[in-house]
Amino acid sequence: MKLNLQSIIRSYGIVIAFVMICAVMAVLSPVFLTVTNVLNVIRQSSIFGIMAIGMTFVILTGGIDLSVGSILAVVGAVSAGMLKGGMELLPVVSLALAIGVSCGLANGVLITVGRIAPFVVTLGMMSIARSLTLIYTTGYPISGFAGTFRFIGGGDILGVPFPIVLFLLTASIAWVILTQTRMGRYTYAIGGNEETVKLSGINADFYKTTVYVISGITAAISALILTSRLNSAEPMAGQGYELDVIAAVVIGGTSLNGGRGSVWGTLVGALLIGVINNGMNLLGIPPYFQLLVKGFIIIGAVLLDRLRED
């Protein structure tokens, strides 16, 4: 019985925690389970949730990417600037994705070719991208866009907000990649034992670089959603998002040591973080206390990750 209980907690612990927290919030706030609020929670979760899906690839290899929030900011700022300059939507989206790819590629190459620790490289990219954002915007927001761009963050398809559609589509594509392709198998293998992968004749550096490119792409997608939804590109956009992103991935069951985890676990983890953020706002908890709660959540997630591996 004890083993069965442990197995259930290990397999479905995140889902159980999600349901319990939702139940508590429904009791504490009658607004929580309204359709409007539920859609708002999922819509808000989609922004950092999409980045968390990209981060899942990175952490599965045993890496980390601290630069996603700053990449979001620089992509949002440049995209906003191009829109204000008269560029059409499709070229703007293409440029945004290209910036995300470039930042991710720079991270990956420095980590694999330069043999620098992921923590150091992505910490440096976090600072560089944030600085470039402030230089580009001169510290002021860029606001006011056409309705076609605003559809990305504020439109809906058959009553479902478009950011949620993008969130589920990104999760589905990532699931296919991780479970049905060579890229996915090698991602798990590198996290399990990178040296063995290299001895097998597999170009581990290529696949490690690719996961950082994927992380950059998902940060760019989130940047487009956030900028569109706010109708503004803020110089400090995305600050602190890396905390929610990493917490969502680890809470969702992905091991910080690599080699174990899933996209759907990350999706539930992102929704759990979104519910907690929304719940604290509904209960009127001051922002500085919310940071305290998030800090404990991250430490708790890492502790749970350790316990799962014991």
Protein backbone atom coordinates (compact mmCIF):
# COMPACT_ATOMS: atom_id res chain seq x y z
CA MET A 1 0.00 0.00 0.00
CA LYS A 2 2.84 2.34 0.86
CA LEU A 3 4.56 1.66 -2.45
CA ASN A 4 1.29 2.18 -4.33
CA LEU A 5 0.74 5.50 -2.56
CA GLN A 6 4.28 6.61 -3.38
CA SER A 7 3.76 5.62 -6.98
CA ILE A 8 0.52 7.60 -7.19
CA ILE A 9 2.09 10.70 -5.66
CA ARG A 10 5.10 10.43 -7.95
CA SER A 11 2.95 10.04 -11.06
CA TYR A 12 0.00 12.30 -10.30
CA GLY A 13 1.22 14.53 -7.47
CA ILE A 14 1.19 17.68 -9.60
CA VAL A 15 -2.39 17.03 -10.76
CA ILE A 16 -3.53 16.34 -7.19
CA ALA A 17 -1.85 19.55 -5.98
CA PHE A 18 -3.45 21.51 -8.82
CA VAL A 19 -6.96 20.25 -8.01
CA MET A 20 -6.50 20.90 -4.28
CA ILE A 21 -5.27 24.47 -4.77
CA CYS A 22 -8.14 25.17 -7.19
CA ALA A 23 -10.60 23.82 -4.61
CA VAL A 24 -9.14 26.03 -1.87
CA MET A 25 -9.24 29.11 -4.10
CA ALA A 26 -12.85 28.38 -5.08
CA VAL A 27 -13.79 28.42 -1.39
CA LEU A 28 -11.78 31.56 -0.59
CA SER A 29 -12.94 33.55 -3.61
CA PRO A 30 -16.34 33.17 -5.32
CA VAL A 31 -14.89 34.89 -8.41
CA PHE A 32 -12.25 32.23 -8.96
CA LEU A 33 -14.34 29.66 -10.86
CA THR A 34 -16.15 32.14 -13.10
CA VAL A 35 -15.60 31.55 -16.83
CA THR A 36 -14.03 34.98 -17.24
CA ASN A 37 -11.48 34.39 -14.49
CA VAL A 38 -10.65 30.83 -15.58
CA LEU A 39 -9.95 32.02 -19.14
CA ASN A 40 -7.92 34.89 -17.73
CA VAL A 41 -5.80 32.47 -15.66
CA ILE A 42 -5.09 30.24 -18.66
CA ARG A 43 -4.43 33.23 -20.92
CA GLN A 44 -1.94 34.68 -18.43
CA SER A 45 -0.36 31.26 -17.86
CA SER A 46 0.14 30.84 -21.60
CA ILE A 47 2.70 33.66 -21.71
CA PHE A 48 5.23 32.06 -19.36
CA GLY A 49 3.84 28.58 -20.07
CA ILE A 50 5.03 28.68 -23.68
CA MET A 51 8.48 29.70 -22.43
CA ALA A 52 8.32 26.87 -19.90
CA ILE A 53 7.80 24.40 -22.74
CA GLY A 54 11.02 25.62 -24.35
CA MET A 55 12.74 25.51 -20.96
CA THR A 56 11.66 21.87 -20.60
CA PHE A 57 13.93 20.94 -23.53
CA VAL A 58 16.84 22.80 -21.92
CA ILE A 59 16.42 21.29 -18.45
CA LEU A 60 15.95 17.80 -19.89
CA THR A 61 19.55 18.06 -21.14
CA GLY A 62 20.71 19.12 -17.68
CA GLY A 63 21.01 22.79 -18.65
CA ILE A 64 19.33 26.03 -17.60
CA ASP A 65 18.31 29.24 -19.40
CA LEU A 66 18.12 32.37 -17.26
CA SER A 67 17.84 34.70 -20.24
CA VAL A 68 14.26 33.98 -21.38
CA GLY A 69 12.72 37.02 -19.67
CA SER A 70 15.25 39.39 -21.21
CA ILE A 71 14.93 37.76 -24.63
CA LEU A 72 11.19 38.33 -24.35
CA ALA A 73 11.85 42.01 -23.62
CA VAL A 74 14.22 42.65 -26.53
CA VAL A 75 11.99 40.77 -28.99
CA GLY A 76 8.95 42.72 -27.82
CA ALA A 77 10.76 46.06 -28.06
CA VAL A 78 12.17 45.49 -31.56
CA SER A 79 8.85 44.11 -32.81
CA ALA A 80 7.02 47.15 -31.43
CA GLY A 81 9.54 49.50 -33.00
CA MET A 82 9.16 47.84 -36.40
CA LEU A 83 5.37 47.98 -36.18
CA LYS A 84 5.46 51.67 -35.32
CA GLY A 85 7.80 52.15 -38.26
CA GLY A 86 5.19 50.74 -40.65
CA MET A 87 6.39 47.14 -41.10
CA GLU A 88 3.70 44.59 -41.92
CA LEU A 89 2.67 41.87 -39.46
CA LEU A 90 4.25 38.84 -41.17
CA PRO A 91 7.75 40.39 -41.47
CA VAL A 92 7.50 41.52 -37.84
CA VAL A 93 6.63 38.01 -36.66
CA SER A 94 9.48 36.60 -38.78
CA LEU A 95 11.91 39.15 -37.32
CA ALA A 96 10.77 38.33 -33.77
CA LEU A 97 11.37 34.61 -34.30
CA ALA A 98 14.75 35.36 -35.91
CA ILE A 99 15.85 37.34 -32.85
CA GLY A 100 14.75 34.50 -30.58
CA VAL A 101 16.67 31.98 -32.72
CA SER A 102 19.78 34.21 -32.72
CA CYS A 103 19.80 34.62 -28.92
CA GLY A 104 19.21 30.90 -28.39
CA LEU A 105 21.90 30.00 -30.92
CA ALA A 106 24.39 32.32 -29.22
CA ASN A 107 23.63 30.66 -25.88
CA GLY A 108 23.97 27.17 -27.33
CA VAL A 109 27.22 27.80 -29.19
CA LEU A 110 28.89 29.43 -26.19
CA ILE A 111 27.84 26.50 -24.01
CA THR A 112 28.85 23.71 -26.41
CA VAL A 113 31.77 25.17 -28.36
CA GLY A 114 32.98 27.62 -25.71
CA ARG A 115 32.54 25.01 -22.95
CA ILE A 116 31.07 27.62 -20.59
CA ALA A 117 28.54 26.61 -17.94
CA PRO A 118 24.90 27.25 -19.01
CA PHE A 119 24.29 29.27 -15.84
CA VAL A 120 27.08 31.71 -16.70
CA VAL A 121 26.25 32.02 -20.41
CA THR A 122 22.54 32.59 -19.94
CA LEU A 123 23.13 34.95 -17.03
CA GLY A 124 25.33 36.99 -19.35
CA MET A 125 22.69 36.87 -22.12
CA MET A 126 20.09 38.01 -19.60
CA SER A 127 22.14 41.13 -18.92
CA ILE A 128 23.00 41.75 -22.59
CA ALA A 129 19.43 41.38 -23.87
CA ARG A 130 18.04 43.60 -21.11
CA SER A 131 20.65 46.26 -21.84
CA LEU A 132 19.88 46.15 -25.57
CA THR A 133 16.19 46.58 -24.77
CA LEU A 134 16.85 49.67 -22.67
CA ILE A 135 19.17 51.11 -25.33
CA TYR A 136 16.64 50.48 -28.11
CA THR A 137 13.69 51.96 -26.20
CA THR A 138 15.75 54.64 -24.37
CA GLY A 139 13.87 53.45 -21.29
CA TYR A 140 10.39 54.34 -22.58
CA PRO A 141 7.56 52.01 -23.63
CA ILE A 142 6.55 51.72 -27.28
CA SER A 143 2.75 51.65 -27.54
CA GLY A 144 -0.20 51.71 -29.92
CA PHE A 145 -0.49 49.01 -32.59
CA ALA A 146 -2.88 48.01 -35.34
CA GLY A 147 -5.75 45.59 -34.69
CA THR A 148 -4.14 42.80 -36.72
CA PHE A 149 -1.20 42.61 -34.32
CA ARG A 150 -3.41 42.98 -31.26
CA PHE A 151 -5.28 39.83 -32.29
CA ILE A 152 -2.26 37.75 -31.22
CA GLY A 153 -2.74 38.60 -27.55
CA GLY A 154 -6.38 39.67 -27.45
CA GLY A 155 -8.23 37.80 -30.19
CA ASP A 156 -10.05 34.49 -30.01
CA ILE A 157 -10.94 31.53 -32.23
CA LEU A 158 -14.42 30.08 -31.71
CA GLY A 159 -14.53 31.71 -28.29
CA VAL A 160 -11.12 30.41 -27.20
CA PRO A 161 -8.51 33.15 -26.62
CA PHE A 162 -5.77 32.95 -29.26
CA PRO A 163 -2.92 32.83 -26.66
CA ILE A 164 -4.48 29.65 -25.25
CA VAL A 165 -4.64 28.16 -28.75
CA LEU A 166 -0.93 28.97 -29.22
CA PHE A 167 -0.14 27.49 -25.79
CA LEU A 168 -1.84 24.18 -26.57
CA LEU A 169 -0.40 24.09 -30.10
CA THR A 170 3.13 24.69 -28.80
CA ALA A 171 2.68 21.98 -26.15
CA SER A 172 1.40 19.52 -28.76
CA ILE A 173 4.29 20.17 -31.15
CA ALA A 174 6.80 19.86 -28.29
CA TRP A 175 5.20 16.58 -27.19
CA VAL A 176 5.52 15.16 -30.70
CA ILE A 177 9.17 16.24 -30.91
CA LEU A 178 10.06 14.73 -27.53
CA THR A 179 8.22 11.45 -27.93
CA GLN A 180 8.22 10.72 -31.65
CA THR A 181 11.48 12.07 -33.07
CA ARG A 182 15.22 11.48 -32.89
CA MET A 183 15.60 14.99 -31.46
CA GLY A 184 13.45 14.01 -28.49
CA ARG A 185 15.26 10.74 -27.84
CA TYR A 186 18.64 12.45 -27.91
CA THR A 187 17.41 15.26 -25.65
CA TYR A 188 16.50 12.73 -22.95
CA ALA A 189 19.69 10.74 -23.59
CA ILE A 190 21.95 13.78 -23.21
CA GLY A 191 20.34 14.57 -19.86
CA GLY A 192 20.73 10.96 -18.77
CA ASN A 193 24.39 10.53 -19.73
CA GLU A 194 25.95 12.94 -22.20
CA GLU A 195 29.27 11.12 -22.34
CA THR A 196 27.59 7.89 -23.42
CA VAL A 197 25.74 9.79 -26.15
CA LYS A 198 29.02 11.18 -27.49
CA LEU A 199 30.70 7.77 -27.37
CA SER A 200 27.79 6.44 -29.44
CA GLY A 201 28.82 8.76 -32.27
CA ILE A 202 25.95 11.21 -31.81
CA ASN A 203 26.66 14.93 -32.21
CA ALA A 204 25.53 15.89 -28.72
CA ASP A 205 26.70 19.51 -29.14
CA PHE A 206 24.32 20.00 -32.07
CA TYR A 207 21.32 18.79 -30.09
CA LYS A 208 22.31 20.76 -26.99
CA THR A 209 22.55 23.90 -29.11
CA THR A 210 19.18 23.16 -30.67
CA VAL A 211 17.39 23.06 -27.30
CA TYR A 212 18.58 26.61 -26.56
CA VAL A 213 17.34 27.69 -29.99
CA ILE A 214 13.95 26.19 -29.11
CA SER A 215 14.01 28.11 -25.83
CA GLY A 216 14.73 31.33 -27.74
CA ILE A 217 11.85 30.67 -30.16
CA THR A 218 9.34 30.10 -27.35
CA ALA A 219 10.53 33.31 -25.64
CA ALA A 220 9.91 35.17 -28.91
CA ILE A 221 6.38 33.74 -29.23
CA SER A 222 5.62 34.81 -25.67
CA ALA A 223 7.01 38.26 -26.43
CA LEU A 224 4.55 38.69 -29.30
CA ILE A 225 1.64 37.59 -27.10
CA LEU A 226 2.57 39.87 -24.19
CA THR A 227 3.31 42.92 -26.36
CA SER A 228 0.08 42.42 -28.28
CA ARG A 229 -2.01 41.91 -25.17
CA LEU A 230 -0.64 45.01 -23.40
CA ASN A 231 -0.63 47.01 -26.65
CA SER A 232 2.79 48.14 -25.45
CA ALA A 233 6.40 46.98 -25.26
CA GLU A 234 7.78 47.78 -21.81
CA PRO A 235 11.57 48.04 -21.31
CA MET A 236 11.32 45.90 -18.17
CA ALA A 237 8.90 43.37 -19.64
CA GLY A 238 9.57 39.78 -18.63
CA GLN A 239 11.63 40.70 -15.57
CA GLY A 240 11.42 37.81 -13.12
CA TYR A 241 9.64 35.55 -15.62
CA GLU A 242 12.51 33.10 -15.50
CA LEU A 243 11.45 32.27 -11.93
CA ASP A 244 7.91 31.32 -12.96
CA VAL A 245 9.22 29.45 -16.00
CA ILE A 246 11.76 27.33 -14.12
CA ALA A 247 9.29 26.71 -11.28
CA ALA A 248 6.64 25.51 -13.76
CA VAL A 249 9.07 23.06 -15.34
CA VAL A 250 10.37 21.62 -12.07
CA ILE A 251 6.96 21.48 -10.41
CA GLY A 252 5.75 19.67 -13.53
CA GLY A 253 8.16 16.83 -12.81
CA THR A 254 11.19 17.60 -14.97
CA SER A 255 14.42 16.76 -13.14
CA LEU A 256 16.99 19.54 -12.78
CA ASN A 257 19.64 16.87 -13.37
CA GLY A 258 18.13 16.14 -16.78
CA GLY A 259 16.86 13.00 -18.45
CA ARG A 260 13.38 12.91 -16.93
CA GLY A 261 10.27 15.02 -17.49
CA SER A 262 7.37 15.73 -19.84
CA VAL A 263 5.70 18.57 -21.70
CA TRP A 264 2.28 17.85 -20.20
CA GLY A 265 3.73 17.98 -16.70
CA THR A 266 5.15 21.41 -17.54
CA LEU A 267 1.75 22.51 -18.86
CA VAL A 268 0.09 21.58 -15.55
CA GLY A 269 2.96 23.21 -13.66
CA ALA A 270 2.43 26.45 -15.60
CA LEU A 271 -1.29 26.39 -14.87
CA LEU A 272 -0.54 25.77 -11.19
CA ILE A 273 1.74 28.83 -11.05
CA GLY A 274 -0.94 30.81 -12.89
CA VAL A 275 -3.59 29.76 -10.37
CA ILE A 276 -1.35 30.74 -7.46
CA ASN A 277 -0.59 34.15 -9.03
CA ASN A 278 -4.27 34.76 -9.76
CA GLY A 279 -5.35 33.56 -6.33
CA MET A 280 -2.97 35.89 -4.54
CA ASN A 281 -4.26 38.82 -6.62
CA LEU A 282 -7.89 37.94 -5.89
CA LEU A 283 -7.13 37.72 -2.17
CA GLY A 284 -5.40 41.10 -2.26
CA ILE A 285 -1.98 39.82 -1.18
CA PRO A 286 0.61 42.62 -1.68
CA PRO A 287 3.17 42.05 -4.50
CA TYR A 288 6.14 41.91 -2.12
CA PHE A 289 4.52 39.01 -0.25
CA GLN A 290 3.81 37.31 -3.58
CA LEU A 291 7.56 37.24 -4.27
CA LEU A 292 8.05 35.57 -0.89
CA VAL A 293 5.52 32.88 -1.79
CA LYS A 294 7.14 32.30 -5.19
CA GLY A 295 10.53 31.91 -3.52
CA PHE A 296 9.20 29.18 -1.24
CA ILE A 297 7.49 27.50 -4.22
CA ILE A 298 10.78 27.32 -6.15
CA ILE A 299 12.68 25.93 -3.14
CA GLY A 300 9.87 23.45 -2.50
CA ALA A 301 9.89 22.37 -6.15
CA VAL A 302 13.62 21.66 -6.03
CA LEU A 303 13.19 19.76 -2.76
CA LEU A 304 10.44 17.64 -4.33
CA ASP A 305 12.70 16.99 -7.30
CA ARG A 306 15.35 15.66 -4.91
CA LEU A 307 12.84 13.47 -3.10
CA ARG A 308 11.56 12.04 -6.39
CA GLU A 309 15.06 10.88 -7.26
CA ASP A 310 15.77 9.27 -3.88
